[in-house]
Amino acid sequence: MLTRIISGAVGAVMMAAVLYFHSTVVLPVAVAVMIAVMLFELLRAVKLEKCIPILCAVELCGMAMPFIYSCFYSGDDRKADGAVTLIAFAAVLFAAFIVFVTWLKKHKELRYEQVFFALAAMVLVPQAMSTMVRIERMDEENGLFLLIIGLCGAWIADTGAYFTGVALGKHKLCPEISPKKTIEGFVGGITFTGIAFAAAFSVNFGFSAGRAAAAFLIGITCAVIGTVGDLSASMVKRQIGFKDYGKIMPGHGGLMDRFDSVLFVLPTFYILTALLEELDAGLIS
């Protein structure tokens, strides 16, 4: 338990330092490092970490994404979504080409499940984690607040679900995948996240019924999506036969173990927040 607490505290301090320097190159660098570690953990899970061409292609492609978004997104000056999409797509396509060429050369050693798992990870993890940069850049004055709320979305739900489950939990949610999760905890986590989002947005931007309602809906949506992400990652580990994806955080496992639900929550939060602003819902204005 002490190891877990110390490890969590160190991780929190490092995250706080990154968030403090959020407007500098520190944020994309930190995101790139996180992506690199998470991709390595996933490739190791399917025994591809020693296949150097695939490892390099996947890692370099993934680490490039936060820098691509950082260079093209700066406050309200978004230098053409089309250019970002084109460059990101070209990077993924080139990396995928290397993966397929390697597969052709080593077709007797590599199975299609490994290859397509690597391709899926190469797309999902960098795009999801790079949303940290996009969220921070979407509003010059409130980018840090939005990033913190987006990151906390999954963790708030976990906390609410834990305490509700301990107090009221009786019915298992997915006993074969995550024995400790309960339906009562799931509902409690959703409710707690919605209330937390509504309160945070009201305090930061000022209260209005429309803003509070929109933030509440975003919160409960993120909680549901985050739970699905958490269960999906747990299911992959069970089918592979892993307890944890890594050991970089003693007592917690790997970065994938800590950020599995964040992979789904961050893009959801970004899309909903950006969509409401485009619709002039006044969520962050």
Protein backbone atom coordinates (compact mmCIF):
# COMPACT_ATOMS: atom_id res chain seq x y z
CA MET A 1 0.00 0.00 0.00
CA LEU A 2 2.83 2.41 0.90
CA THR A 3 4.49 1.75 -2.46
CA ARG A 4 1.23 2.46 -4.24
CA ILE A 5 0.75 5.74 -2.34
CA ILE A 6 4.32 6.92 -2.99
CA SER A 7 4.13 5.97 -6.66
CA GLY A 8 0.80 7.78 -7.04
CA ALA A 9 2.17 10.88 -5.30
CA VAL A 10 5.23 10.98 -7.58
CA GLY A 11 2.98 10.62 -10.62
CA ALA A 12 0.73 13.42 -9.38
CA VAL A 13 3.70 15.75 -8.86
CA MET A 14 5.00 15.04 -12.35
CA MET A 15 1.57 15.63 -13.86
CA ALA A 16 1.24 18.89 -11.92
CA ALA A 17 4.61 20.06 -13.27
CA VAL A 18 3.54 19.30 -16.84
CA LEU A 19 0.25 21.16 -16.35
CA TYR A 20 2.09 24.15 -14.85
CA PHE A 21 4.12 24.48 -18.06
CA HIS A 22 1.13 23.61 -20.24
CA SER A 23 1.59 26.56 -22.60
CA THR A 24 5.18 25.56 -23.50
CA VAL A 25 6.76 22.68 -25.37
CA VAL A 26 6.69 20.68 -22.13
CA LEU A 27 3.11 19.52 -22.75
CA PRO A 28 3.63 17.96 -26.20
CA VAL A 29 6.96 16.47 -25.05
CA ALA A 30 5.29 14.90 -22.01
CA VAL A 31 2.41 13.58 -24.12
CA ALA A 32 4.88 12.12 -26.64
CA VAL A 33 6.74 10.31 -23.84
CA MET A 34 3.48 8.94 -22.45
CA ILE A 35 2.45 7.75 -25.90
CA ALA A 36 5.82 6.04 -26.38
CA VAL A 37 5.52 4.16 -23.09
CA MET A 38 1.89 3.15 -23.67
CA LEU A 39 2.61 1.89 -27.18
CA PHE A 40 5.58 -0.11 -25.94
CA GLU A 41 3.41 -1.70 -23.25
CA LEU A 42 0.82 -2.68 -25.84
CA LEU A 43 3.37 -4.02 -28.32
CA ARG A 44 4.97 -6.06 -25.55
CA ALA A 45 1.56 -7.49 -24.72
CA VAL A 46 1.42 -9.08 -28.19
CA LYS A 47 5.14 -9.93 -28.29
CA LEU A 48 6.12 -7.34 -30.89
CA GLU A 49 8.52 -5.28 -28.77
CA LYS A 50 11.53 -7.08 -30.27
CA CYS A 51 10.42 -6.56 -33.86
CA ILE A 52 12.49 -3.41 -34.41
CA PRO A 53 10.96 -2.17 -37.70
CA ILE A 54 7.41 -2.37 -36.35
CA LEU A 55 8.45 -0.99 -32.96
CA CYS A 56 10.19 2.01 -34.53
CA ALA A 57 7.40 2.72 -37.02
CA VAL A 58 4.67 2.59 -34.40
CA GLU A 59 6.62 4.56 -31.79
CA LEU A 60 7.81 7.33 -34.13
CA CYS A 61 4.38 7.75 -35.67
CA GLY A 62 2.77 7.92 -32.25
CA MET A 63 5.27 10.37 -30.80
CA ALA A 64 4.88 12.70 -33.78
CA MET A 65 1.16 13.30 -33.21
CA PRO A 66 1.28 15.70 -30.22
CA PHE A 67 3.88 17.83 -32.02
CA ILE A 68 1.76 17.94 -35.18
CA TYR A 69 -1.23 19.21 -33.21
CA SER A 70 0.89 21.56 -31.13
CA CYS A 71 2.38 23.22 -34.21
CA PHE A 72 -0.93 23.76 -35.96
CA TYR A 73 -3.15 24.66 -33.01
CA SER A 74 -2.47 27.87 -31.16
CA GLY A 75 -5.34 29.53 -29.31
CA ASP A 76 -8.05 30.70 -31.69
CA ASP A 77 -5.58 30.69 -34.59
CA ARG A 78 -6.21 27.19 -35.94
CA LYS A 79 -4.15 26.93 -39.07
CA ALA A 80 -6.46 24.78 -41.15
CA ASP A 81 -7.83 21.53 -39.85
CA GLY A 82 -7.26 20.11 -43.32
CA ALA A 83 -3.48 20.52 -43.05
CA VAL A 84 -3.39 18.80 -39.66
CA THR A 85 -5.50 15.93 -40.93
CA LEU A 86 -3.36 15.53 -44.03
CA ILE A 87 -0.04 15.48 -42.16
CA ALA A 88 -1.34 13.13 -39.46
CA PHE A 89 -2.82 10.80 -42.07
CA ALA A 90 0.45 10.79 -44.05
CA ALA A 91 2.41 9.85 -40.91
CA VAL A 92 0.02 6.99 -40.09
CA LEU A 93 0.00 5.78 -43.68
CA PHE A 94 3.80 5.72 -43.89
CA ALA A 95 4.09 3.87 -40.58
CA ALA A 96 1.43 1.38 -41.68
CA PHE A 97 3.37 0.81 -44.91
CA ILE A 98 6.47 -0.11 -42.88
CA VAL A 99 4.40 -2.45 -40.69
CA PHE A 100 2.95 -4.25 -43.71
CA VAL A 101 6.33 -4.54 -45.46
CA THR A 102 7.78 -6.03 -42.28
CA TRP A 103 4.85 -8.43 -42.08
CA LEU A 104 5.51 -9.57 -45.66
CA LYS A 105 9.17 -10.21 -44.86
CA LYS A 106 8.38 -12.03 -41.59
CA HIS A 107 5.07 -13.63 -42.47
CA LYS A 108 6.15 -16.95 -41.02
CA GLU A 109 6.82 -15.35 -37.63
CA LEU A 110 4.11 -12.71 -37.33
CA ARG A 111 0.40 -13.42 -37.10
CA TYR A 112 -2.31 -11.11 -38.41
CA GLU A 113 -3.69 -10.62 -34.87
CA GLN A 114 -0.39 -9.11 -33.78
CA VAL A 115 -0.12 -6.86 -36.83
CA PHE A 116 -3.63 -5.48 -36.67
CA PHE A 117 -3.41 -5.01 -32.92
CA ALA A 118 -0.28 -2.92 -33.49
CA LEU A 119 -2.02 -0.88 -36.20
CA ALA A 120 -5.05 -0.26 -33.98
CA ALA A 121 -2.85 0.82 -31.07
CA MET A 122 -0.84 3.10 -33.39
CA VAL A 123 -4.02 4.96 -34.33
CA LEU A 124 -6.00 4.92 -31.07
CA VAL A 125 -3.38 5.76 -28.44
CA PRO A 126 -1.61 8.72 -30.16
CA GLN A 127 -4.84 10.30 -31.40
CA ALA A 128 -6.53 9.97 -28.03
CA MET A 129 -3.59 11.15 -25.94
CA SER A 130 -2.80 14.01 -28.34
CA THR A 131 -6.26 15.34 -27.55
CA MET A 132 -4.58 16.75 -24.44
CA VAL A 133 -2.80 19.23 -26.70
CA ARG A 134 -5.93 20.01 -28.69
CA ILE A 135 -8.00 20.62 -25.55
CA GLU A 136 -5.36 22.91 -24.06
CA ARG A 137 -5.15 24.87 -27.33
CA MET A 138 -8.90 25.17 -27.93
CA ASP A 139 -9.31 28.15 -25.58
CA GLU A 140 -6.43 30.49 -24.81
CA GLU A 141 -7.71 31.59 -21.40
CA ASN A 142 -9.38 28.41 -20.18
CA GLY A 143 -7.34 25.70 -21.88
CA LEU A 144 -5.71 24.53 -18.65
CA PHE A 145 -9.06 24.28 -16.86
CA LEU A 146 -10.56 22.27 -19.72
CA LEU A 147 -7.55 19.96 -19.83
CA ILE A 148 -7.73 19.27 -16.09
CA ILE A 149 -11.48 18.60 -16.24
CA GLY A 150 -11.01 16.32 -19.26
CA LEU A 151 -8.29 14.34 -17.51
CA CYS A 152 -10.27 14.12 -14.28
CA GLY A 153 -13.39 12.91 -16.06
CA ALA A 154 -12.41 9.25 -15.87
CA TRP A 155 -10.82 9.46 -12.43
CA ILE A 156 -13.80 11.30 -10.90
CA ALA A 157 -16.05 8.53 -12.17
CA ASP A 158 -13.76 5.87 -10.68
CA THR A 159 -13.78 7.61 -7.30
CA GLY A 160 -17.55 8.04 -7.25
CA ALA A 161 -18.07 4.46 -8.39
CA TYR A 162 -15.72 3.13 -5.70
CA PHE A 163 -17.38 4.85 -2.77
CA THR A 164 -20.89 4.21 -4.03
CA GLY A 165 -20.02 0.58 -4.68
CA VAL A 166 -18.57 0.16 -1.18
CA ALA A 167 -21.67 1.71 0.41
CA LEU A 168 -24.44 0.32 -1.79
CA GLY A 169 -22.95 -2.18 -4.24
CA LYS A 170 -24.81 -5.49 -4.45
CA HIS A 171 -25.18 -6.33 -8.15
CA LYS A 172 -22.08 -7.09 -10.22
CA LEU A 173 -21.63 -5.11 -13.43
CA CYS A 174 -19.23 -7.39 -15.35
CA PRO A 175 -18.09 -10.07 -12.89
CA GLU A 176 -16.00 -12.03 -15.39
CA ILE A 177 -14.06 -8.95 -16.51
CA SER A 178 -13.94 -6.74 -13.42
CA PRO A 179 -15.29 -8.55 -10.33
CA LYS A 180 -15.25 -5.47 -8.09
CA LYS A 181 -17.41 -3.22 -10.29
CA THR A 182 -21.09 -3.03 -9.39
CA ILE A 183 -24.15 -1.59 -11.10
CA GLU A 184 -24.75 0.67 -8.10
CA GLY A 185 -21.17 1.91 -8.26
CA PHE A 186 -21.50 2.50 -12.00
CA VAL A 187 -24.63 4.64 -11.50
CA GLY A 188 -23.01 6.46 -8.59
CA GLY A 189 -19.91 7.21 -10.64
CA ILE A 190 -21.97 8.60 -13.51
CA THR A 191 -24.04 10.81 -11.19
CA PHE A 192 -21.01 12.02 -9.25
CA THR A 193 -19.16 12.95 -12.47
CA GLY A 194 -22.14 14.85 -13.87
CA ILE A 195 -22.50 16.88 -10.68
CA ALA A 196 -18.75 17.53 -10.49
CA PHE A 197 -18.67 18.78 -14.09
CA ALA A 198 -21.70 21.02 -13.60
CA ALA A 199 -20.19 22.52 -10.44
CA ALA A 200 -16.73 23.03 -11.97
CA PHE A 201 -18.04 24.75 -15.10
CA SER A 202 -20.40 26.93 -13.04
CA VAL A 203 -17.59 28.05 -10.72
CA ASN A 204 -15.11 28.73 -13.55
CA PHE A 205 -17.44 30.36 -16.09
CA GLY A 206 -20.35 31.53 -13.98
CA PHE A 207 -23.63 29.78 -13.36
CA SER A 208 -26.40 29.46 -15.90
CA ALA A 209 -28.97 26.69 -16.13
CA GLY A 210 -28.02 25.89 -19.71
CA ARG A 211 -24.27 25.70 -18.99
CA ALA A 212 -24.79 23.55 -15.89
CA ALA A 213 -27.10 21.18 -17.77
CA ALA A 214 -24.68 20.89 -20.70
CA ALA A 215 -21.73 20.24 -18.37
CA PHE A 216 -23.77 17.63 -16.45
CA LEU A 217 -24.57 15.79 -19.69
CA ILE A 218 -20.92 15.91 -20.78
CA GLY A 219 -19.90 14.56 -17.39
CA ILE A 220 -22.25 11.57 -17.41
CA THR A 221 -21.34 10.79 -21.03
CA CYS A 222 -17.62 10.83 -20.20
CA ALA A 223 -18.27 8.58 -17.18
CA VAL A 224 -20.09 6.01 -19.30
CA ILE A 225 -17.45 6.09 -22.04
CA GLY A 226 -14.65 5.89 -19.47
CA THR A 227 -16.16 2.80 -17.88
CA VAL A 228 -16.39 1.13 -21.28
CA GLY A 229 -12.73 1.97 -21.90
CA ASP A 230 -11.69 0.61 -18.52
CA LEU A 231 -13.59 -2.64 -19.05
CA SER A 232 -12.25 -3.01 -22.60
CA ALA A 233 -8.64 -2.67 -21.42
CA SER A 234 -9.31 -5.17 -18.61
CA MET A 235 -10.81 -7.61 -21.11
CA VAL A 236 -7.73 -7.38 -23.34
CA LYS A 237 -5.48 -8.08 -20.34
CA ARG A 238 -7.54 -11.09 -19.33
CA GLN A 239 -7.53 -12.57 -22.82
CA ILE A 240 -3.78 -12.02 -23.18
CA GLY A 241 -3.10 -13.31 -19.68
CA PHE A 242 -1.59 -10.10 -18.23
CA LYS A 243 -2.15 -8.72 -14.74
CA ASP A 244 -0.74 -5.30 -15.63
CA TYR A 245 0.51 -3.78 -18.86
CA GLY A 246 3.73 -2.60 -17.22
CA LYS A 247 5.58 -1.79 -14.01
CA ILE A 248 6.55 1.84 -14.57
CA MET A 249 4.30 2.88 -11.65
CA PRO A 250 4.92 0.43 -8.77
CA GLY A 251 1.64 -0.58 -7.21
CA HIS A 252 -0.34 0.82 -10.14
CA GLY A 253 1.08 -1.06 -13.11
CA GLY A 254 1.88 0.61 -16.42
CA LEU A 255 0.66 3.83 -17.99
CA MET A 256 -1.93 1.86 -19.93
CA ASP A 257 -3.33 0.65 -16.62
CA ARG A 258 -3.71 4.24 -15.40
CA PHE A 259 -4.85 5.86 -18.65
CA ASP A 260 -7.00 3.15 -20.23
CA SER A 261 -10.27 4.98 -19.56
CA VAL A 262 -8.67 8.36 -20.38
CA LEU A 263 -8.10 7.11 -23.94
CA PHE A 264 -11.86 7.19 -24.41
CA VAL A 265 -12.79 10.09 -22.14
CA LEU A 266 -10.46 12.76 -23.55
CA PRO A 267 -11.65 12.55 -27.18
CA THR A 268 -15.28 12.39 -26.03
CA PHE A 269 -14.82 15.46 -23.83
CA TYR A 270 -13.07 17.35 -26.62
CA ILE A 271 -15.70 16.53 -29.25
CA LEU A 272 -18.67 17.41 -27.04
CA THR A 273 -17.12 20.64 -25.75
CA ALA A 274 -16.06 21.78 -29.23
CA LEU A 275 -19.44 20.81 -30.69
CA LEU A 276 -21.37 22.82 -28.10
CA GLU A 277 -19.20 25.85 -28.77
CA GLU A 278 -19.77 25.54 -32.51
CA LEU A 279 -23.49 25.43 -31.78
CA ASP A 280 -23.12 28.61 -29.66
CA ALA A 281 -24.25 26.83 -26.53
CA GLY A 282 -22.02 29.10 -24.46
CA LEU A 283 -20.39 26.30 -22.50
CA ILE A 284 -17.00 28.02 -22.18
CA SER A 285 -17.86 31.60 -23.06
